[in-house]
Amino acid sequence: MALMADLLLQFAQMALVLLLAPLLTGFVRTLKAQMLRRQGPPLLQPYRDLLKLIRKEVVMAENASWLYRVVPYVVFATTFVAASLVPTFATRLVFSHIADLIVIVALLGTARFALALAGLDIGTSFGGIGSSREMMIASLAEPAMLMIVFTLSLLAGSTQLSSVAVFLEGPDVGLRVSLAMALVAMVMVAIAENARIPIDNPATHLELTMVHEAMILEYSGRHLAVIELAASLKLLLYMSLIACMFVPWGMAMRTHDAVALALGAGSYVLKLAMGGFLLALFETGTAKMRVFRIPDFLGAALMLGLLAALLLFVSRGPA
């Protein structure tokens, strides 16, 4: 019975992540529209868009290979698995032993690589531009992410997310400059990985600036629906990572306490709402930067991650 209860909790987290991802995207869009004094789309518009795309016929390019057809499902599967592994409202779930930061970075890298291959597969100029820009961003975003992982592993003694959350919620952490640097670097990487302003504008299709949209420009129907859902899952994944690693308060540490689980779910939804509000506020007050300035932006994130790891390493006492 205990194993069944633990499995149900794990599946509940997976369902919660899948259901909340489009809602978070709609929440950010609605807030941005209201901040700009516009009516904007309804809160549930992403769900309607997904249903509409699923019902539409798929139109494929004549020279599209089997890879182009498989990539949307690979991207969705890897992103969904990575998002499901991140602890949301509780720690020590059934799959927590494989919820490792390095595994999540590898899953996201797999999705990125597959999508870049799809952008190159049919040979359009937009797809090639988007894929090359995506790889340029990844060449700096992944090292910065790994430096953040290294910083947290030095502090918590593990790269397992549940262990990191439990340690950071404890009384032995205190105020650390290295954690603040790692948090800023993590936010910068999350903005770049999700193609948000100032790196990219997800609401436009300008060929001179777009990154993510250029790679999926030829997709339609259910394939496009799967990719759009994966993009929403990726945004939720990074917000869940930031909440788990830097704001773990409120998470249930005992999986058999109904009150703690309810409080954990409520705190998780509140963290997502706060993260969505801050993202909308930041994007409303920030302009899109030029493409050749992106390496400077991500280079700053890499340096912050490196400085955080070095500061934490040199400040540790003798073993």
C-alpha atoms as a PDB file:
ATOM      1  CA  MET A   1       0.000   0.000   0.000  1.00  0.00           C
ATOM      2  CA  ALA A   2       2.850   2.374   0.798  1.00  0.00           C
ATOM      3  CA  LEU A   3       4.411   1.745  -2.611  1.00  0.00           C
ATOM      4  CA  MET A   4       1.084   2.390  -4.355  1.00  0.00           C
ATOM      5  CA  ALA A   5       0.672   5.655  -2.463  1.00  0.00           C
ATOM      6  CA  ASP A   6       4.192   6.740  -3.459  1.00  0.00           C
ATOM      7  CA  LEU A   7       3.521   5.868  -7.108  1.00  0.00           C
ATOM      8  CA  LEU A   8       0.268   7.823  -7.044  1.00  0.00           C
ATOM      9  CA  LEU A   9       2.114  10.846  -5.667  1.00  0.00           C
ATOM     10  CA  GLN A  10       4.715  10.587  -8.401  1.00  0.00           C
ATOM     11  CA  PHE A  11       2.060  10.323 -11.106  1.00  0.00           C
ATOM     12  CA  ALA A  12       0.198  13.238  -9.500  1.00  0.00           C
ATOM     13  CA  GLN A  13       3.319  15.372  -9.844  1.00  0.00           C
ATOM     14  CA  MET A  14       3.699  14.344 -13.497  1.00  0.00           C
ATOM     15  CA  ALA A  15       0.055  15.202 -14.202  1.00  0.00           C
ATOM     16  CA  LEU A  16       0.353  18.496 -12.328  1.00  0.00           C
ATOM     17  CA  VAL A  17       3.375  19.529 -14.373  1.00  0.00           C
ATOM     18  CA  LEU A  18       1.677  18.624 -17.653  1.00  0.00           C
ATOM     19  CA  LEU A  19      -1.538  20.459 -16.801  1.00  0.00           C
ATOM     20  CA  LEU A  20       0.060  23.603 -15.376  1.00  0.00           C
ATOM     21  CA  ALA A  21       2.532  24.198 -18.223  1.00  0.00           C
ATOM     22  CA  PRO A  22       0.059  25.773 -20.718  1.00  0.00           C
ATOM     23  CA  LEU A  23      -1.596  27.656 -17.857  1.00  0.00           C
ATOM     24  CA  LEU A  24       1.727  29.250 -16.905  1.00  0.00           C
ATOM     25  CA  THR A  25       2.282  30.344 -20.509  1.00  0.00           C
ATOM     26  CA  GLY A  26      -1.195  31.848 -20.662  1.00  0.00           C
ATOM     27  CA  PHE A  27      -0.682  33.546 -17.300  1.00  0.00           C
ATOM     28  CA  VAL A  28       2.507  35.268 -18.494  1.00  0.00           C
ATOM     29  CA  ARG A  29       0.849  36.395 -21.744  1.00  0.00           C
ATOM     30  CA  THR A  30      -2.167  37.766 -19.914  1.00  0.00           C
ATOM     31  CA  LEU A  31      -0.034  39.672 -17.412  1.00  0.00           C
ATOM     32  CA  LYS A  32       2.115  41.166 -20.175  1.00  0.00           C
ATOM     33  CA  ALA A  33      -0.981  42.340 -22.034  1.00  0.00           C
ATOM     34  CA  GLN A  34      -2.459  43.918 -18.908  1.00  0.00           C
ATOM     35  CA  MET A  35       0.808  45.668 -18.087  1.00  0.00           C
ATOM     36  CA  LEU A  36       0.753  47.149 -21.602  1.00  0.00           C
ATOM     37  CA  ARG A  37      -2.885  48.293 -21.129  1.00  0.00           C
ATOM     38  CA  ARG A  38      -4.193  45.754 -23.638  1.00  0.00           C
ATOM     39  CA  GLN A  39      -6.980  43.237 -23.373  1.00  0.00           C
ATOM     40  CA  GLY A  40      -4.799  40.321 -24.378  1.00  0.00           C
ATOM     41  CA  PRO A  41      -5.754  36.665 -24.900  1.00  0.00           C
ATOM     42  CA  PRO A  42      -7.781  34.708 -22.332  1.00  0.00           C
ATOM     43  CA  LEU A  43      -5.932  32.868 -19.603  1.00  0.00           C
ATOM     44  CA  LEU A  44      -6.869  29.465 -21.069  1.00  0.00           C
ATOM     45  CA  GLN A  45      -5.979  30.373 -24.662  1.00  0.00           C
ATOM     46  CA  PRO A  46      -2.905  28.032 -24.802  1.00  0.00           C
ATOM     47  CA  TYR A  47      -5.187  25.025 -24.158  1.00  0.00           C
ATOM     48  CA  ARG A  48      -7.468  26.129 -27.007  1.00  0.00           C
ATOM     49  CA  ASP A  49      -4.504  26.618 -29.322  1.00  0.00           C
ATOM     50  CA  LEU A  50      -3.232  23.122 -28.574  1.00  0.00           C
ATOM     51  CA  LEU A  51      -6.636  21.566 -29.246  1.00  0.00           C
ATOM     52  CA  LYS A  52      -6.963  23.518 -32.491  1.00  0.00           C
ATOM     53  CA  LEU A  53      -3.541  22.403 -33.702  1.00  0.00           C
ATOM     54  CA  ILE A  54      -4.236  18.762 -32.831  1.00  0.00           C
ATOM     55  CA  ARG A  55      -7.372  18.819 -34.996  1.00  0.00           C
ATOM     56  CA  LYS A  56      -5.589  20.338 -37.999  1.00  0.00           C
ATOM     57  CA  GLU A  57      -4.045  18.331 -40.809  1.00  0.00           C
ATOM     58  CA  VAL A  58      -0.272  17.946 -40.835  1.00  0.00           C
ATOM     59  CA  VAL A  59       1.453  19.537 -43.843  1.00  0.00           C
ATOM     60  CA  MET A  60       4.954  18.218 -44.473  1.00  0.00           C
ATOM     61  CA  ALA A  61       7.700  19.431 -46.778  1.00  0.00           C
ATOM     62  CA  GLU A  62       8.404  17.151 -49.740  1.00  0.00           C
ATOM     63  CA  ASN A  63      12.030  16.542 -48.740  1.00  0.00           C
ATOM     64  CA  ALA A  64      11.312  15.985 -45.030  1.00  0.00           C
ATOM     65  CA  SER A  65      12.873  12.793 -43.731  1.00  0.00           C
ATOM     66  CA  TRP A  66      11.755  10.464 -40.943  1.00  0.00           C
ATOM     67  CA  LEU A  67      13.831  12.549 -38.535  1.00  0.00           C
ATOM     68  CA  TYR A  68      11.606  15.568 -39.109  1.00  0.00           C
ATOM     69  CA  ARG A  69       8.547  13.511 -38.135  1.00  0.00           C
ATOM     70  CA  VAL A  70      10.127  11.964 -35.035  1.00  0.00           C
ATOM     71  CA  VAL A  71      11.769  15.067 -33.547  1.00  0.00           C
ATOM     72  CA  PRO A  72       8.597  16.645 -32.049  1.00  0.00           C
ATOM     73  CA  TYR A  73       7.906  13.539 -29.992  1.00  0.00           C
ATOM     74  CA  VAL A  74      11.562  13.243 -28.929  1.00  0.00           C
ATOM     75  CA  VAL A  75      11.580  16.876 -27.809  1.00  0.00           C
ATOM     76  CA  PHE A  76       8.333  16.458 -25.887  1.00  0.00           C
ATOM     77  CA  ALA A  77       9.375  13.175 -24.260  1.00  0.00           C
ATOM     78  CA  THR A  78      12.763  14.416 -23.045  1.00  0.00           C
ATOM     79  CA  THR A  79      11.358  17.733 -21.815  1.00  0.00           C
ATOM     80  CA  PHE A  80       8.428  16.072 -20.048  1.00  0.00           C
ATOM     81  CA  VAL A  81      10.682  13.549 -18.327  1.00  0.00           C
ATOM     82  CA  ALA A  82      13.036  16.324 -17.198  1.00  0.00           C
ATOM     83  CA  ALA A  83      10.132  18.460 -15.918  1.00  0.00           C
ATOM     84  CA  SER A  84       8.601  15.474 -14.114  1.00  0.00           C
ATOM     85  CA  LEU A  85      11.853  14.682 -12.319  1.00  0.00           C
ATOM     86  CA  VAL A  86      12.150  18.119 -10.710  1.00  0.00           C
ATOM     87  CA  PRO A  87      10.593  18.079  -7.202  1.00  0.00           C
ATOM     88  CA  THR A  88       7.637  20.432  -7.128  1.00  0.00           C
ATOM     89  CA  PHE A  89       5.473  20.089  -4.006  1.00  0.00           C
ATOM     90  CA  ALA A  90       7.327  17.233  -2.265  1.00  0.00           C
ATOM     91  CA  THR A  91      10.763  15.656  -2.030  1.00  0.00           C
ATOM     92  CA  ARG A  92      11.785  12.016  -1.745  1.00  0.00           C
ATOM     93  CA  LEU A  93       9.297  10.762  -4.324  1.00  0.00           C
ATOM     94  CA  VAL A  94       9.687   7.421  -6.099  1.00  0.00           C
ATOM     95  CA  PHE A  95      11.793   8.801  -8.944  1.00  0.00           C
ATOM     96  CA  SER A  96      13.806  11.180  -6.764  1.00  0.00           C
ATOM     97  CA  HIS A  97      16.915   8.991  -6.961  1.00  0.00           C
ATOM     98  CA  ILE A  98      17.198   9.744 -10.701  1.00  0.00           C
ATOM     99  CA  ALA A  99      16.215  13.426 -10.319  1.00  0.00           C
ATOM    100  CA  ASP A 100      19.819  14.493 -10.782  1.00  0.00           C
ATOM    101  CA  LEU A 101      20.839  17.908 -12.085  1.00  0.00           C
ATOM    102  CA  ILE A 102      23.298  16.409 -14.570  1.00  0.00           C
ATOM    103  CA  VAL A 103      20.591  14.070 -15.902  1.00  0.00           C
ATOM    104  CA  ILE A 104      18.249  17.026 -16.398  1.00  0.00           C
ATOM    105  CA  VAL A 105      20.945  19.008 -18.227  1.00  0.00           C
ATOM    106  CA  ALA A 106      21.562  15.975 -20.470  1.00  0.00           C
ATOM    107  CA  LEU A 107      17.844  15.581 -21.238  1.00  0.00           C
ATOM    108  CA  LEU A 108      17.510  19.249 -22.152  1.00  0.00           C
ATOM    109  CA  GLY A 109      20.617  19.003 -24.318  1.00  0.00           C
ATOM    110  CA  THR A 110      19.111  16.033 -26.144  1.00  0.00           C
ATOM    111  CA  ALA A 111      15.928  17.973 -26.880  1.00  0.00           C
ATOM    112  CA  ARG A 112      17.926  20.961 -28.103  1.00  0.00           C
ATOM    113  CA  PHE A 113      20.096  18.821 -30.368  1.00  0.00           C
ATOM    114  CA  ALA A 114      17.079  17.046 -31.877  1.00  0.00           C
ATOM    115  CA  LEU A 115      15.272  20.324 -32.578  1.00  0.00           C
ATOM    116  CA  ALA A 116      18.364  21.809 -34.209  1.00  0.00           C
ATOM    117  CA  LEU A 117      18.612  18.750 -36.471  1.00  0.00           C
ATOM    118  CA  ALA A 118      14.961  19.197 -37.448  1.00  0.00           C
ATOM    119  CA  GLY A 119      15.638  22.819 -38.355  1.00  0.00           C
ATOM    120  CA  LEU A 120      18.411  21.685 -40.704  1.00  0.00           C
ATOM    121  CA  ASP A 121      16.576  18.658 -42.119  1.00  0.00           C
ATOM    122  CA  ILE A 122      14.406  20.298 -44.775  1.00  0.00           C
ATOM    123  CA  GLY A 123      17.103  22.748 -45.887  1.00  0.00           C
ATOM    124  CA  THR A 124      15.273  26.073 -45.500  1.00  0.00           C
ATOM    125  CA  SER A 125      17.268  29.220 -44.759  1.00  0.00           C
ATOM    126  CA  PHE A 126      15.192  30.064 -41.675  1.00  0.00           C
ATOM    127  CA  GLY A 127      15.727  26.612 -40.201  1.00  0.00           C
ATOM    128  CA  GLY A 128      19.478  26.862 -40.705  1.00  0.00           C
ATOM    129  CA  ILE A 129      19.608  30.319 -39.121  1.00  0.00           C
ATOM    130  CA  GLY A 130      17.583  29.166 -36.120  1.00  0.00           C
ATOM    131  CA  SER A 131      19.676  26.020 -35.625  1.00  0.00           C
ATOM    132  CA  SER A 132      22.982  27.896 -35.811  1.00  0.00           C
ATOM    133  CA  ARG A 133      21.760  30.491 -33.310  1.00  0.00           C
ATOM    134  CA  GLU A 134      20.442  27.763 -31.019  1.00  0.00           C
ATOM    135  CA  MET A 135      23.825  26.036 -30.984  1.00  0.00           C
ATOM    136  CA  MET A 136      25.563  29.349 -30.350  1.00  0.00           C
ATOM    137  CA  ILE A 137      23.336  29.918 -27.321  1.00  0.00           C
ATOM    138  CA  ALA A 138      23.826  26.339 -26.121  1.00  0.00           C
ATOM    139  CA  SER A 139      27.630  26.632 -26.304  1.00  0.00           C
ATOM    140  CA  LEU A 140      27.492  29.201 -23.492  1.00  0.00           C
ATOM    141  CA  ALA A 141      24.275  28.280 -21.685  1.00  0.00           C
ATOM    142  CA  GLU A 142      25.245  24.656 -20.980  1.00  0.00           C
ATOM    143  CA  PRO A 143      28.641  25.496 -19.398  1.00  0.00           C
ATOM    144  CA  ALA A 144      26.953  28.158 -17.267  1.00  0.00           C
ATOM    145  CA  MET A 145      24.351  25.625 -16.172  1.00  0.00           C
ATOM    146  CA  LEU A 146      27.044  23.106 -15.299  1.00  0.00           C
ATOM    147  CA  MET A 147      28.890  25.687 -13.197  1.00  0.00           C
ATOM    148  CA  ILE A 148      25.649  26.313 -11.285  1.00  0.00           C
ATOM    149  CA  VAL A 149      25.330  22.550 -10.762  1.00  0.00           C
ATOM    150  CA  PHE A 150      28.926  22.419  -9.538  1.00  0.00           C
ATOM    151  CA  THR A 151      28.267  25.256  -7.073  1.00  0.00           C
ATOM    152  CA  LEU A 152      25.210  23.567  -5.594  1.00  0.00           C
ATOM    153  CA  SER A 153      26.934  20.188  -5.447  1.00  0.00           C
ATOM    154  CA  LEU A 154      29.832  21.725  -3.512  1.00  0.00           C
ATOM    155  CA  LEU A 155      27.381  23.248  -1.066  1.00  0.00           C
ATOM    156  CA  ALA A 156      24.920  20.363  -0.641  1.00  0.00           C
ATOM    157  CA  GLY A 157      27.337  17.506  -1.269  1.00  0.00           C
ATOM    158  CA  SER A 158      25.091  16.016  -3.960  1.00  0.00           C
ATOM    159  CA  THR A 159      23.653  16.753  -7.392  1.00  0.00           C
ATOM    160  CA  GLN A 160      20.365  15.049  -6.514  1.00  0.00           C
ATOM    161  CA  LEU A 161      17.611  17.660  -6.459  1.00  0.00           C
ATOM    162  CA  SER A 162      15.836  16.286  -3.397  1.00  0.00           C
ATOM    163  CA  SER A 163      19.068  16.363  -1.405  1.00  0.00           C
ATOM    164  CA  VAL A 164      19.802  19.903  -2.599  1.00  0.00           C
ATOM    165  CA  ALA A 165      16.306  21.082  -1.619  1.00  0.00           C
ATOM    166  CA  VAL A 166      16.505  19.442   1.817  1.00  0.00           C
ATOM    167  CA  PHE A 167      19.929  20.944   2.501  1.00  0.00           C
ATOM    168  CA  LEU A 168      18.997  24.462   1.362  1.00  0.00           C
ATOM    169  CA  GLU A 169      15.848  24.407   3.462  1.00  0.00           C
ATOM    170  CA  GLY A 170      17.890  23.537   6.554  1.00  0.00           C
ATOM    171  CA  PRO A 171      19.396  25.986   9.037  1.00  0.00           C
ATOM    172  CA  ASP A 172      23.027  25.456   8.003  1.00  0.00           C
ATOM    173  CA  VAL A 173      22.933  27.427   4.753  1.00  0.00           C
ATOM    174  CA  GLY A 174      22.741  31.063   5.819  1.00  0.00           C
ATOM    175  CA  LEU A 175      23.320  34.007   3.501  1.00  0.00           C
ATOM    176  CA  ARG A 176      25.921  33.210   0.849  1.00  0.00           C
ATOM    177  CA  VAL A 177      27.166  35.431  -1.956  1.00  0.00           C
ATOM    178  CA  SER A 178      27.888  32.351  -4.052  1.00  0.00           C
ATOM    179  CA  LEU A 179      24.218  31.341  -3.950  1.00  0.00           C
ATOM    180  CA  ALA A 180      23.144  34.829  -5.032  1.00  0.00           C
ATOM    181  CA  MET A 181      25.551  34.678  -7.984  1.00  0.00           C
ATOM    182  CA  ALA A 182      24.320  31.217  -8.903  1.00  0.00           C
ATOM    183  CA  LEU A 183      20.698  32.410  -8.734  1.00  0.00           C
ATOM    184  CA  VAL A 184      21.359  35.358 -11.069  1.00  0.00           C
ATOM    185  CA  ALA A 185      23.227  33.062 -13.465  1.00  0.00           C
ATOM    186  CA  MET A 186      20.369  30.553 -13.347  1.00  0.00           C
ATOM    187  CA  VAL A 187      17.809  33.235 -14.204  1.00  0.00           C
ATOM    188  CA  MET A 188      19.917  34.396 -17.152  1.00  0.00           C
ATOM    189  CA  VAL A 189      20.297  30.836 -18.440  1.00  0.00           C
ATOM    190  CA  ALA A 190      16.541  30.237 -18.044  1.00  0.00           C
ATOM    191  CA  ILE A 191      15.748  33.359 -20.085  1.00  0.00           C
ATOM    192  CA  ALA A 192      18.115  32.283 -22.853  1.00  0.00           C
ATOM    193  CA  GLU A 193      17.009  28.635 -22.909  1.00  0.00           C
ATOM    194  CA  ASN A 194      13.346  29.595 -23.176  1.00  0.00           C
ATOM    195  CA  ALA A 195      13.981  32.184 -25.913  1.00  0.00           C
ATOM    196  CA  ARG A 196      12.465  34.995 -23.880  1.00  0.00           C
ATOM    197  CA  ILE A 197      13.179  38.719 -24.039  1.00  0.00           C
ATOM    198  CA  PRO A 198      15.903  40.050 -24.311  1.00  0.00           C
ATOM    199  CA  ILE A 199      17.303  36.964 -26.123  1.00  0.00           C
ATOM    200  CA  ASP A 200      14.266  36.330 -28.328  1.00  0.00           C
ATOM    201  CA  ASN A 201      10.657  37.444 -28.538  1.00  0.00           C
ATOM    202  CA  PRO A 202       8.270  34.450 -28.554  1.00  0.00           C
ATOM    203  CA  ALA A 203       5.392  36.659 -29.752  1.00  0.00           C
ATOM    204  CA  THR A 204       6.965  37.608 -33.105  1.00  0.00           C
ATOM    205  CA  HIS A 205       8.275  35.899 -36.243  1.00  0.00           C
ATOM    206  CA  LEU A 206      10.896  38.426 -37.365  1.00  0.00           C
ATOM    207  CA  GLU A 207      13.389  36.511 -39.466  1.00  0.00           C
ATOM    208  CA  LEU A 208      16.315  38.707 -38.397  1.00  0.00           C
ATOM    209  CA  THR A 209      15.901  38.014 -34.677  1.00  0.00           C
ATOM    210  CA  MET A 210      13.972  34.786 -34.101  1.00  0.00           C
ATOM    211  CA  VAL A 211      15.722  31.701 -32.753  1.00  0.00           C
ATOM    212  CA  HIS A 212      13.255  29.090 -31.558  1.00  0.00           C
ATOM    213  CA  GLU A 213      10.498  30.020 -34.002  1.00  0.00           C
ATOM    214  CA  ALA A 214      12.863  29.702 -36.973  1.00  0.00           C
ATOM    215  CA  MET A 215      13.476  26.014 -36.284  1.00  0.00           C
ATOM    216  CA  ILE A 216       9.774  25.128 -36.040  1.00  0.00           C
ATOM    217  CA  LEU A 217       8.512  27.401 -38.804  1.00  0.00           C
ATOM    218  CA  GLU A 218       7.667  24.480 -41.126  1.00  0.00           C
ATOM    219  CA  TYR A 219       5.802  22.413 -38.518  1.00  0.00           C
ATOM    220  CA  SER A 220       2.013  22.266 -38.420  1.00  0.00           C
ATOM    221  CA  GLY A 221      -0.861  20.309 -36.953  1.00  0.00           C
ATOM    222  CA  ARG A 222      -0.203  17.856 -34.142  1.00  0.00           C
ATOM    223  CA  HIS A 223       3.568  18.148 -34.607  1.00  0.00           C
ATOM    224  CA  LEU A 224       3.421  21.859 -33.852  1.00  0.00           C
ATOM    225  CA  ALA A 225       1.082  21.210 -30.914  1.00  0.00           C
ATOM    226  CA  VAL A 226       3.570  18.776 -29.376  1.00  0.00           C
ATOM    227  CA  ILE A 227       6.448  21.256 -29.815  1.00  0.00           C
ATOM    228  CA  GLU A 228       4.431  24.132 -28.323  1.00  0.00           C
ATOM    229  CA  LEU A 229       3.506  21.983 -25.327  1.00  0.00           C
ATOM    230  CA  ALA A 230       7.179  21.057 -24.909  1.00  0.00           C
ATOM    231  CA  ALA A 231       8.090  24.772 -24.948  1.00  0.00           C
ATOM    232  CA  SER A 232       5.556  25.459 -22.188  1.00  0.00           C
ATOM    233  CA  LEU A 233       6.923  22.504 -20.218  1.00  0.00           C
ATOM    234  CA  LYS A 234      10.442  23.880 -20.570  1.00  0.00           C
ATOM    235  CA  LEU A 235       9.409  27.240 -19.134  1.00  0.00           C
ATOM    236  CA  LEU A 236       7.723  25.527 -16.202  1.00  0.00           C
ATOM    237  CA  LEU A 237      10.761  23.254 -15.762  1.00  0.00           C
ATOM    238  CA  TYR A 238      13.149  26.163 -15.283  1.00  0.00           C
ATOM    239  CA  MET A 239      10.814  27.909 -12.872  1.00  0.00           C
ATOM    240  CA  SER A 240      10.489  24.648 -10.942  1.00  0.00           C
ATOM    241  CA  LEU A 241      14.287  24.301 -10.898  1.00  0.00           C
ATOM    242  CA  ILE A 242      14.734  27.803  -9.506  1.00  0.00           C
ATOM    243  CA  ALA A 243      12.039  27.176  -6.896  1.00  0.00           C
ATOM    244  CA  CYS A 244      13.532  23.811  -5.908  1.00  0.00           C
ATOM    245  CA  MET A 245      17.160  24.903  -5.732  1.00  0.00           C
ATOM    246  CA  PHE A 246      16.895  28.438  -4.374  1.00  0.00           C
ATOM    247  CA  VAL A 247      13.399  28.762  -2.832  1.00  0.00           C
ATOM    248  CA  PRO A 248      12.634  25.274  -1.475  1.00  0.00           C
ATOM    249  CA  TRP A 249      10.533  26.505   1.444  1.00  0.00           C
ATOM    250  CA  GLY A 250       7.101  24.960   1.763  1.00  0.00           C
ATOM    251  CA  MET A 251       7.920  21.661   0.074  1.00  0.00           C
ATOM    252  CA  ALA A 252       6.637  18.556   1.840  1.00  0.00           C
ATOM    253  CA  MET A 253       9.483  16.540   3.321  1.00  0.00           C
ATOM    254  CA  ARG A 254       7.201  13.664   4.406  1.00  0.00           C
ATOM    255  CA  THR A 255       5.240  12.109   1.568  1.00  0.00           C
ATOM    256  CA  HIS A 256       2.648  10.492   3.862  1.00  0.00           C
ATOM    257  CA  ASP A 257       1.490  13.732   5.509  1.00  0.00           C
ATOM    258  CA  ALA A 258      -1.630  14.982   3.712  1.00  0.00           C
ATOM    259  CA  VAL A 259      -1.467  18.445   5.288  1.00  0.00           C
ATOM    260  CA  ALA A 260       2.183  18.882   4.310  1.00  0.00           C
ATOM    261  CA  LEU A 261       1.427  17.734   0.763  1.00  0.00           C
ATOM    262  CA  ALA A 262      -1.455  20.209   0.449  1.00  0.00           C
ATOM    263  CA  LEU A 263       0.714  23.045   1.752  1.00  0.00           C
ATOM    264  CA  GLY A 264       3.486  21.991  -0.616  1.00  0.00           C
ATOM    265  CA  ALA A 265       1.145  22.044  -3.625  1.00  0.00           C
ATOM    266  CA  GLY A 266      -0.171  25.464  -2.612  1.00  0.00           C
ATOM    267  CA  SER A 267       3.316  26.885  -2.144  1.00  0.00           C
ATOM    268  CA  TYR A 268       4.390  25.487  -5.532  1.00  0.00           C
ATOM    269  CA  VAL A 269       1.494  27.152  -7.335  1.00  0.00           C
ATOM    270  CA  LEU A 270       2.277  30.398  -5.491  1.00  0.00           C
ATOM    271  CA  LYS A 271       5.930  30.212  -6.566  1.00  0.00           C
ATOM    272  CA  LEU A 272       4.902  29.661 -10.190  1.00  0.00           C
ATOM    273  CA  ALA A 273       2.539  32.639 -10.011  1.00  0.00           C
ATOM    274  CA  MET A 274       5.284  34.827  -8.550  1.00  0.00           C
ATOM    275  CA  GLY A 275       7.767  33.622 -11.163  1.00  0.00           C
ATOM    276  CA  GLY A 276       5.292  34.298 -13.968  1.00  0.00           C
ATOM    277  CA  PHE A 277       4.623  37.791 -12.621  1.00  0.00           C
ATOM    278  CA  LEU A 278       8.332  38.619 -12.397  1.00  0.00           C
ATOM    279  CA  LEU A 279       8.926  37.270 -15.911  1.00  0.00           C
ATOM    280  CA  ALA A 280       6.077  39.348 -17.349  1.00  0.00           C
ATOM    281  CA  LEU A 281       7.312  42.447 -15.497  1.00  0.00           C
ATOM    282  CA  PHE A 282      10.874  41.922 -16.729  1.00  0.00           C
ATOM    283  CA  GLU A 283       9.841  41.353 -20.350  1.00  0.00           C
ATOM    284  CA  THR A 284       7.547  44.375 -20.325  1.00  0.00           C
ATOM    285  CA  GLY A 285      10.321  46.698 -19.194  1.00  0.00           C
ATOM    286  CA  THR A 286      13.160  45.201 -21.273  1.00  0.00           C
ATOM    287  CA  ALA A 287      13.986  45.640 -24.943  1.00  0.00           C
ATOM    288  CA  LYS A 288      15.106  42.904 -27.308  1.00  0.00           C
ATOM    289  CA  MET A 289      18.893  42.895 -27.659  1.00  0.00           C
ATOM    290  CA  ARG A 290      20.763  42.385 -30.908  1.00  0.00           C
ATOM    291  CA  VAL A 291      21.831  38.895 -31.822  1.00  0.00           C
ATOM    292  CA  PHE A 292      25.556  39.620 -31.608  1.00  0.00           C
ATOM    293  CA  ARG A 293      25.086  40.781 -27.998  1.00  0.00           C
ATOM    294  CA  ILE A 294      23.747  37.379 -26.867  1.00  0.00           C
ATOM    295  CA  PRO A 295      27.252  35.924 -26.256  1.00  0.00           C
ATOM    296  CA  ASP A 296      27.948  38.864 -23.913  1.00  0.00           C
ATOM    297  CA  PHE A 297      24.750  38.147 -21.989  1.00  0.00           C
ATOM    298  CA  LEU A 298      25.467  34.439 -21.629  1.00  0.00           C
ATOM    299  CA  GLY A 299      29.146  35.089 -21.029  1.00  0.00           C
ATOM    300  CA  ALA A 300      28.130  37.122 -17.983  1.00  0.00           C
ATOM    301  CA  ALA A 301      26.020  34.169 -16.778  1.00  0.00           C
ATOM    302  CA  LEU A 302      28.995  31.832 -17.275  1.00  0.00           C
ATOM    303  CA  MET A 303      31.310  34.141 -15.345  1.00  0.00           C
ATOM    304  CA  LEU A 304      28.793  34.459 -12.500  1.00  0.00           C
ATOM    305  CA  GLY A 305      28.524  30.671 -12.286  1.00  0.00           C
ATOM    306  CA  LEU A 306      32.312  30.325 -12.350  1.00  0.00           C
ATOM    307  CA  LEU A 307      32.790  33.004  -9.682  1.00  0.00           C
ATOM    308  CA  ALA A 308      30.116  31.382  -7.503  1.00  0.00           C
ATOM    309  CA  ALA A 309      31.857  28.010  -7.692  1.00  0.00           C
ATOM    310  CA  LEU A 310      35.312  29.515  -7.051  1.00  0.00           C
ATOM    311  CA  LEU A 311      34.082  31.646  -4.158  1.00  0.00           C
ATOM    312  CA  LEU A 312      32.405  28.678  -2.537  1.00  0.00           C
ATOM    313  CA  PHE A 313      35.416  26.448  -3.137  1.00  0.00           C
ATOM    314  CA  VAL A 314      37.997  28.840  -1.642  1.00  0.00           C
ATOM    315  CA  SER A 315      35.747  29.799   1.285  1.00  0.00           C
ATOM    316  CA  ARG A 316      35.353  26.214   2.495  1.00  0.00           C
ATOM    317  CA  GLY A 317      37.361  25.303   5.517  1.00  0.00           C
ATOM    318  CA  PRO A 318      39.843  22.422   5.646  1.00  0.00           C
ATOM    319  CA  ALA A 319      38.325  18.958   5.568  1.00  0.00           C
END
